[in-house]
Each structure stands twice: as C-alpha cells, then as structure tokens.
Amino acid sequence: MLLAILSAKASRVITTVGGPEIMGLEHMTADYLNAISSQQQLHMVDATQPREFRFRTGANLVPDSKFGKITWARFLEGIKR
C-alpha cells in the first residue's frame, strides 16, 4: 500500500477526510479531560511555531469532505470512566 501511495499522484490516491463537525482544540481537550475524569487543568499557550499557526488559519479543516457520523461527544461517551 505504501509503495502504491508513493508511486502515484497523491491527489488520485489519498482522499481528504473530515469529521462531521468542526471544533476548536481547546473545547475538544476540555471535553476529553472531563470524559476521563481528569483533575488536570487546561492551560493554553501561544503558538510559536509555523506549523502551529497553520491550525489557526483553518488550513487543516475540510468542511466539504465530511466523513462518518460519530461526533466528538459520542466518541467520548465510549471512553468515559
């Protein structure tokens, strides 16, 4: 499979996949910590690396390529302690 991906054009082999909803990392992390009954506090820090800035632009989002039906909240229901 890896050889097929490397030898073909990515646009023909790799499908862009997004989830059924768009959420911020802070919200997702807070929900996760709550789901696992963690007492840790969430402390956000400023982005300092170029790759971190890309997430703020929304370049990682693909709202036109929704895939699946499991929301983040539903996923977390399966891991709650």
Protein backbone atom coordinates (compact mmCIF):
# COMPACT_ATOMS: atom_id res chain seq x y z
CA MET A 1 0.00 0.00 0.00
CA LEU A 2 2.76 2.45 0.92
CA LEU A 3 4.51 1.76 -2.38
CA ALA A 4 1.28 2.47 -4.25
CA ILE A 5 0.88 5.79 -2.46
CA LEU A 6 4.47 6.82 -3.07
CA SER A 7 4.42 5.86 -6.74
CA ALA A 8 1.11 7.54 -7.62
CA LYS A 9 -0.02 11.14 -7.52
CA ALA A 10 -1.39 11.93 -4.07
CA SER A 11 -4.49 13.64 -5.44
CA ARG A 12 -5.52 10.34 -7.04
CA VAL A 13 -4.72 8.10 -4.09
CA ILE A 14 -5.36 9.93 -0.83
CA THR A 15 -8.88 11.10 -0.05
CA THR A 16 -9.37 14.19 2.10
CA VAL A 17 -11.47 13.20 5.10
CA GLY A 18 -13.03 15.41 7.73
CA GLY A 19 -15.29 14.75 10.66
CA PRO A 20 -18.98 15.56 10.90
CA GLU A 21 -18.28 18.69 12.95
CA ILE A 22 -15.67 21.42 13.36
CA MET A 23 -14.44 22.10 16.89
CA GLY A 24 -11.60 24.01 18.48
CA LEU A 25 -8.74 22.19 20.17
CA GLU A 26 -9.40 23.90 23.50
CA HIS A 27 -13.01 22.71 23.57
CA MET A 28 -12.09 19.19 22.46
CA THR A 29 -9.33 18.91 25.07
CA ALA A 30 -11.57 20.18 27.88
CA ASP A 31 -14.26 17.67 26.89
CA TYR A 32 -11.67 14.86 26.80
CA LEU A 33 -10.28 15.70 30.24
CA ASN A 34 -13.82 15.75 31.59
CA ALA A 35 -14.63 12.40 29.94
CA ILE A 36 -11.68 10.67 31.59
CA SER A 37 -12.42 12.35 34.93
CA SER A 38 -9.05 14.09 34.92
CA GLN A 39 -8.34 16.73 37.53
CA GLN A 40 -5.70 18.35 35.32
CA GLN A 41 -6.23 21.96 34.38
CA LEU A 42 -6.12 23.04 30.76
CA HIS A 43 -3.53 25.77 30.15
CA MET A 44 -3.44 27.26 26.66
CA VAL A 45 -0.18 28.70 25.40
CA ASP A 46 0.51 30.99 22.46
CA ALA A 47 1.54 29.43 19.17
CA THR A 48 5.24 29.86 18.48
CA GLN A 49 5.96 27.50 15.57
CA PRO A 50 4.89 27.96 11.93
CA ARG A 51 3.06 24.61 11.94
CA GLU A 52 1.01 25.78 14.93
CA PHE A 53 -0.04 28.97 13.12
CA ARG A 54 -1.47 26.90 10.25
CA PHE A 55 -4.08 25.46 12.59
CA ARG A 56 -5.27 28.97 13.47
CA THR A 57 -5.89 29.74 9.79
CA GLY A 58 -8.17 26.73 9.43
CA ALA A 59 -5.93 25.22 6.74
CA ASN A 60 -6.38 21.82 8.39
CA LEU A 61 -10.19 21.91 8.05
CA VAL A 62 -12.08 20.24 5.24
CA PRO A 63 -15.77 21.08 5.80
CA ASP A 64 -16.70 19.96 2.29
CA SER A 65 -15.28 16.46 2.90
CA LYS A 66 -17.34 15.29 5.85
CA PHE A 67 -16.92 11.62 6.60
CA GLY A 68 -18.66 9.49 9.18
CA LYS A 69 -21.38 10.29 11.65
CA ILE A 70 -19.72 9.91 15.05
CA THR A 71 -19.41 13.26 16.79
CA TRP A 72 -16.71 14.06 19.33
CA ALA A 73 -19.23 13.90 22.18
CA ARG A 74 -20.45 10.49 21.05
CA PHE A 75 -16.88 9.23 20.73
CA LEU A 76 -16.11 10.39 24.25
CA GLU A 77 -19.13 8.51 25.61
CA GLY A 78 -17.28 5.32 24.71
CA ILE A 79 -14.22 6.18 26.80
CA LYS A 80 -15.81 7.70 29.88
CA ARG A 81 -14.64 6.17 33.15
